[in-house]
Structure formats: C-alpha cells, structure tokens
Amino acid sequence: MKKIFSVLLLSVFLSTACSSSRKVSVSAEGMSFKTAVRVNSVEEEYQYIKRQCANCRIVKQTLRFYKGKPYDVLDAHSQTDGDKTYYFDISSFYGKNF
C-alpha cells in the first residue's frame, strides 16, 4: 500500500511541476536573454511587440551581447500595460551583409 501511495504521490508531483513550468516559460517568452525571441529582422521585432502589446510605443532599443550572442533589447511603454522589456536573438542576421 505504501508503494502505491508513493508512486501516486510522485506522479502527482511530477505532473504539477511540469505543468506549472510550461506556463511560466510560455508567458515569459521574450522577457529575458534566456527566453529571447529568435527573429530574422528588426521589422520582426516591432511586429512581435505590436502583437504582444498593441498600445506600446518603443522607448529605447539597445544592442547587447549575452554569452557571446547578439541581442536587441527593446524597452516599451504602454499607458495600460506599463513598462516592458523585450529580448530578441538577432544572431541570424547581425553582422551579415545585406
């Protein structure tokens, strides 16, 4: 009986832990270097922000390097949503000839 209870308890714990971590990673997409959105152009960055926050306006755009990779970091402001910072992995096009 103890063995069945332990297995049941472990499966509940694992399913809860897995489901909560998925929710965090989806909602946090683009909000840090680790969850940066991969894009192929600066235009894609602006389109992404417009989809996420229709009323946002870009306040600042900065080129940053994290673990040797280039990122665009955009600060946005919205009257309704406040200030947000979006991270974009630009390694697919940064420094390439256009």
C-alpha atoms as a PDB file:
ATOM      1  CA  MET A   1       0.000   0.000   0.000  1.00  0.00           C
ATOM      2  CA  LYS A   2       2.841   2.379   0.855  1.00  0.00           C
ATOM      3  CA  LYS A   3       4.433   1.679  -2.525  1.00  0.00           C
ATOM      4  CA  ILE A   4       1.240   2.552  -4.432  1.00  0.00           C
ATOM      5  CA  PHE A   5       0.789   5.737  -2.393  1.00  0.00           C
ATOM      6  CA  SER A   6       4.422   6.764  -3.048  1.00  0.00           C
ATOM      7  CA  VAL A   7       4.079   6.190  -6.778  1.00  0.00           C
ATOM      8  CA  LEU A   8       0.796   8.101  -6.878  1.00  0.00           C
ATOM      9  CA  LEU A   9       2.254  10.984  -4.876  1.00  0.00           C
ATOM     10  CA  LEU A  10       5.313  11.119  -7.125  1.00  0.00           C
ATOM     11  CA  SER A  11       3.211  11.170 -10.315  1.00  0.00           C
ATOM     12  CA  VAL A  12       1.035  14.000  -8.964  1.00  0.00           C
ATOM     13  CA  PHE A  13       4.120  15.990  -8.002  1.00  0.00           C
ATOM     14  CA  LEU A  14       5.754  15.495 -11.405  1.00  0.00           C
ATOM     15  CA  SER A  15       2.639  16.395 -13.375  1.00  0.00           C
ATOM     16  CA  THR A  16       2.126  19.532 -11.281  1.00  0.00           C
ATOM     17  CA  ALA A  17       5.748  20.575 -11.598  1.00  0.00           C
ATOM     18  CA  CYS A  18       5.755  20.038 -15.363  1.00  0.00           C
ATOM     19  CA  SER A  19       2.513  21.889 -15.994  1.00  0.00           C
ATOM     20  CA  SER A  20       3.496  24.925 -13.950  1.00  0.00           C
ATOM     21  CA  SER A  21       6.911  25.240 -15.599  1.00  0.00           C
ATOM     22  CA  ARG A  22       5.315  25.216 -19.048  1.00  0.00           C
ATOM     23  CA  LYS A  23       3.001  28.067 -18.135  1.00  0.00           C
ATOM     24  CA  VAL A  24       5.887  30.178 -16.851  1.00  0.00           C
ATOM     25  CA  SER A  25       8.052  29.640 -19.928  1.00  0.00           C
ATOM     26  CA  VAL A  26       5.253  30.493 -22.363  1.00  0.00           C
ATOM     27  CA  SER A  27       4.267  33.680 -20.586  1.00  0.00           C
ATOM     28  CA  ALA A  28       7.912  34.695 -20.161  1.00  0.00           C
ATOM     29  CA  GLU A  29       8.801  34.338 -23.848  1.00  0.00           C
ATOM     30  CA  GLY A  30      10.921  37.281 -24.912  1.00  0.00           C
ATOM     31  CA  MET A  31      11.224  38.722 -21.407  1.00  0.00           C
ATOM     32  CA  SER A  32      14.864  37.715 -20.754  1.00  0.00           C
ATOM     33  CA  PHE A  33      18.034  36.682 -22.567  1.00  0.00           C
ATOM     34  CA  LYS A  34      17.230  33.019 -21.872  1.00  0.00           C
ATOM     35  CA  THR A  35      13.744  33.275 -23.403  1.00  0.00           C
ATOM     36  CA  ALA A  36      14.632  35.712 -26.195  1.00  0.00           C
ATOM     37  CA  VAL A  37      12.540  35.549 -29.358  1.00  0.00           C
ATOM     38  CA  ARG A  38      14.529  34.491 -32.428  1.00  0.00           C
ATOM     39  CA  VAL A  39      13.945  36.895 -35.309  1.00  0.00           C
ATOM     40  CA  ASN A  40      15.322  37.403 -38.806  1.00  0.00           C
ATOM     41  CA  SER A  41      14.955  41.203 -38.984  1.00  0.00           C
ATOM     42  CA  VAL A  42      14.368  44.320 -36.930  1.00  0.00           C
ATOM     43  CA  GLU A  43      10.941  44.572 -38.556  1.00  0.00           C
ATOM     44  CA  GLU A  44      10.010  41.210 -36.972  1.00  0.00           C
ATOM     45  CA  GLU A  45      10.904  42.636 -33.552  1.00  0.00           C
ATOM     46  CA  TYR A  46       8.486  45.514 -33.950  1.00  0.00           C
ATOM     47  CA  GLN A  47       5.766  43.223 -35.305  1.00  0.00           C
ATOM     48  CA  TYR A  48       6.199  40.895 -32.330  1.00  0.00           C
ATOM     49  CA  ILE A  49       5.870  43.750 -29.837  1.00  0.00           C
ATOM     50  CA  LYS A  50       2.811  45.092 -31.647  1.00  0.00           C
ATOM     51  CA  ARG A  51       1.145  41.647 -31.359  1.00  0.00           C
ATOM     52  CA  GLN A  52       2.015  41.378 -27.668  1.00  0.00           C
ATOM     53  CA  CYS A  53       1.165  44.944 -26.695  1.00  0.00           C
ATOM     54  CA  ALA A  54      -0.894  46.846 -29.264  1.00  0.00           C
ATOM     55  CA  ASN A  55      -0.698  50.147 -27.387  1.00  0.00           C
ATOM     56  CA  CYS A  56       3.041  50.031 -26.673  1.00  0.00           C
ATOM     57  CA  ARG A  57       5.490  52.511 -28.052  1.00  0.00           C
ATOM     58  CA  ILE A  58       9.204  51.759 -28.247  1.00  0.00           C
ATOM     59  CA  VAL A  59      11.164  53.962 -25.871  1.00  0.00           C
ATOM     60  CA  LYS A  60      14.669  52.567 -26.411  1.00  0.00           C
ATOM     61  CA  GLN A  61      16.471  49.924 -28.487  1.00  0.00           C
ATOM     62  CA  THR A  62      19.847  48.615 -27.367  1.00  0.00           C
ATOM     63  CA  LEU A  63      22.311  46.108 -28.822  1.00  0.00           C
ATOM     64  CA  ARG A  64      23.562  43.784 -26.056  1.00  0.00           C
ATOM     65  CA  PHE A  65      25.721  40.681 -26.004  1.00  0.00           C
ATOM     66  CA  TYR A  66      24.965  37.743 -23.737  1.00  0.00           C
ATOM     67  CA  LYS A  67      27.172  34.647 -23.696  1.00  0.00           C
ATOM     68  CA  GLY A  68      28.754  35.800 -26.950  1.00  0.00           C
ATOM     69  CA  LYS A  69      25.481  36.206 -28.882  1.00  0.00           C
ATOM     70  CA  PRO A  70      23.965  39.493 -30.093  1.00  0.00           C
ATOM     71  CA  TYR A  71      20.564  40.580 -28.817  1.00  0.00           C
ATOM     72  CA  ASP A  72      18.329  43.562 -29.427  1.00  0.00           C
ATOM     73  CA  VAL A  73      16.739  44.707 -26.179  1.00  0.00           C
ATOM     74  CA  LEU A  74      13.708  46.943 -26.659  1.00  0.00           C
ATOM     75  CA  ASP A  75      12.095  48.930 -23.880  1.00  0.00           C
ATOM     76  CA  ALA A  76       8.424  49.651 -24.499  1.00  0.00           C
ATOM     77  CA  HIS A  77       5.825  51.683 -22.650  1.00  0.00           C
ATOM     78  CA  SER A  78       2.055  51.498 -22.616  1.00  0.00           C
ATOM     79  CA  GLN A  79      -0.448  53.585 -20.666  1.00  0.00           C
ATOM     80  CA  THR A  80      -2.381  50.416 -19.816  1.00  0.00           C
ATOM     81  CA  ASP A  81       0.416  47.803 -19.502  1.00  0.00           C
ATOM     82  CA  GLY A  82       3.236  49.968 -18.103  1.00  0.00           C
ATOM     83  CA  ASP A  83       6.890  49.410 -18.962  1.00  0.00           C
ATOM     84  CA  LYS A  84       8.121  46.168 -20.506  1.00  0.00           C
ATOM     85  CA  THR A  85      11.455  44.995 -21.860  1.00  0.00           C
ATOM     86  CA  TYR A  86      11.604  42.560 -24.795  1.00  0.00           C
ATOM     87  CA  TYR A  87      14.656  40.492 -25.771  1.00  0.00           C
ATOM     88  CA  PHE A  88      15.369  39.349 -29.325  1.00  0.00           C
ATOM     89  CA  ASP A  89      18.035  36.927 -30.524  1.00  0.00           C
ATOM     90  CA  ILE A  90      19.391  38.584 -33.682  1.00  0.00           C
ATOM     91  CA  SER A  91      22.246  36.142 -34.370  1.00  0.00           C
ATOM     92  CA  SER A  92      20.600  35.029 -37.623  1.00  0.00           C
ATOM     93  CA  PHE A  93      21.268  38.401 -39.266  1.00  0.00           C
ATOM     94  CA  TYR A  94      23.551  40.509 -37.055  1.00  0.00           C
ATOM     95  CA  GLY A  95      26.809  41.412 -38.805  1.00  0.00           C
ATOM     96  CA  LYS A  96      25.776  39.790 -42.077  1.00  0.00           C
ATOM     97  CA  ASN A  97      25.923  41.623 -45.414  1.00  0.00           C
ATOM     98  CA  PHE A  98      22.588  42.942 -46.595  1.00  0.00           C
END
